[in-house]
Amino acid sequence: MATPSNVAQWLVDQLREEQTLYQETAAFGIVEEFGDEFVYYNAAGNTAISKDVLKEFNRLTGDSVVWVRSERCWRFREDHDEVGRSQP
């Protein structure tokens, strides 16, 4: 039985492999690998990753990964990034 920690580690592995991890792709991958227990549909009707998984993902990645709002993806931090995890 998978846990949020297992799913978060899978996300980290996917990010390391791809260098950029789009939320929609990640959510579909989670459903494929672990089932729909770790995703939900947000108010806009999009598939989203559960808060428990994201909390663990944030713990595992710390400040080394940023969320790029405009592209709805995670990537590794670069020198030009603003302070904080969320980038424009």
Protein backbone atom coordinates (compact mmCIF):
# COMPACT_ATOMS: atom_id res chain seq x y z
CA MET A 1 0.00 0.00 0.00
CA ALA A 2 1.48 3.33 -1.09
CA THR A 3 1.80 6.29 1.27
CA PRO A 4 2.07 10.02 0.59
CA SER A 5 5.81 9.63 1.25
CA ASN A 6 6.10 6.98 -1.48
CA VAL A 7 4.26 9.19 -3.95
CA ALA A 8 6.33 12.25 -3.02
CA GLN A 9 9.56 10.29 -3.53
CA TRP A 10 8.27 9.18 -6.93
CA LEU A 11 7.67 12.86 -7.79
CA VAL A 12 11.23 13.71 -6.75
CA ASP A 13 12.54 10.88 -8.92
CA GLN A 14 10.48 12.09 -11.88
CA LEU A 15 11.78 15.63 -11.41
CA ARG A 16 15.38 14.44 -11.29
CA GLU A 17 14.84 12.48 -14.49
CA GLU A 18 12.96 15.16 -16.43
CA GLN A 19 14.35 18.36 -14.78
CA THR A 20 10.86 19.91 -15.07
CA LEU A 21 7.68 18.37 -13.68
CA TYR A 22 4.35 19.71 -14.88
CA GLN A 23 1.48 19.38 -12.41
CA GLU A 24 -0.93 17.83 -14.90
CA THR A 25 1.62 15.27 -16.07
CA ALA A 26 2.57 14.48 -12.47
CA ALA A 27 -1.06 14.03 -11.41
CA PHE A 28 -1.78 11.66 -14.30
CA GLY A 29 1.42 9.75 -13.50
CA ILE A 30 0.36 9.39 -9.87
CA VAL A 31 -2.99 7.93 -10.92
CA GLU A 32 -1.21 5.52 -13.25
CA GLU A 33 1.39 4.42 -10.69
CA PHE A 34 -0.55 4.61 -7.41
CA GLY A 35 -4.26 5.01 -8.19
CA ASP A 36 -6.55 7.96 -7.65
CA GLU A 37 -6.20 7.99 -3.85
CA PHE A 38 -3.51 10.69 -4.02
CA VAL A 39 -5.22 13.13 -6.38
CA TYR A 40 -8.45 15.12 -6.43
CA TYR A 41 -10.29 17.46 -8.77
CA ASN A 42 -9.94 21.14 -7.90
CA ALA A 43 -12.57 23.85 -8.36
CA ALA A 44 -11.49 24.38 -11.98
CA GLY A 45 -12.02 20.68 -12.69
CA ASN A 46 -8.31 19.95 -13.06
CA THR A 47 -6.62 16.92 -11.55
CA ALA A 48 -4.56 18.09 -8.56
CA ILE A 49 -2.12 16.36 -6.23
CA SER A 50 -3.24 15.74 -2.66
CA LYS A 51 -2.04 18.13 0.00
CA ASP A 52 -0.44 15.28 1.99
CA VAL A 53 1.72 14.34 -1.01
CA LEU A 54 2.67 17.97 -1.68
CA LYS A 55 3.59 18.51 1.98
CA GLU A 56 5.94 15.54 1.84
CA PHE A 57 7.31 16.61 -1.57
CA ASN A 58 8.10 20.05 -0.14
CA ARG A 59 9.83 18.45 2.84
CA LEU A 60 11.95 16.24 0.59
CA THR A 61 12.98 19.02 -1.80
CA GLY A 62 13.38 21.97 0.57
CA ASP A 63 14.67 25.10 -1.15
CA SER A 64 16.22 23.18 -4.05
CA VAL A 65 12.96 23.13 -6.04
CA VAL A 66 10.69 25.97 -7.08
CA TRP A 67 7.09 26.12 -8.30
CA VAL A 68 6.70 28.17 -11.49
CA ARG A 69 3.12 29.50 -11.35
CA SER A 70 2.95 30.65 -14.97
CA GLU A 71 3.87 27.18 -16.25
CA ARG A 72 2.27 25.16 -13.43
CA CYS A 73 5.44 23.13 -12.96
CA TRP A 74 8.27 22.41 -10.56
CA ARG A 75 11.93 22.69 -11.48
CA PHE A 76 15.24 22.92 -9.70
CA ARG A 77 16.19 26.34 -8.34
CA GLU A 78 18.38 28.52 -10.56
CA ASP A 79 20.64 31.45 -9.60
CA HIS A 80 18.23 34.05 -10.99
CA ASP A 81 15.18 32.81 -9.02
CA GLU A 82 13.45 35.03 -6.51
CA VAL A 83 13.49 34.20 -2.81
CA GLY A 84 10.90 31.58 -1.86
CA ARG A 85 9.56 28.50 -3.58
CA SER A 86 6.94 30.19 -5.76
CA GLN A 87 8.16 31.92 -8.91
CA PRO A 88 6.16 34.01 -11.39
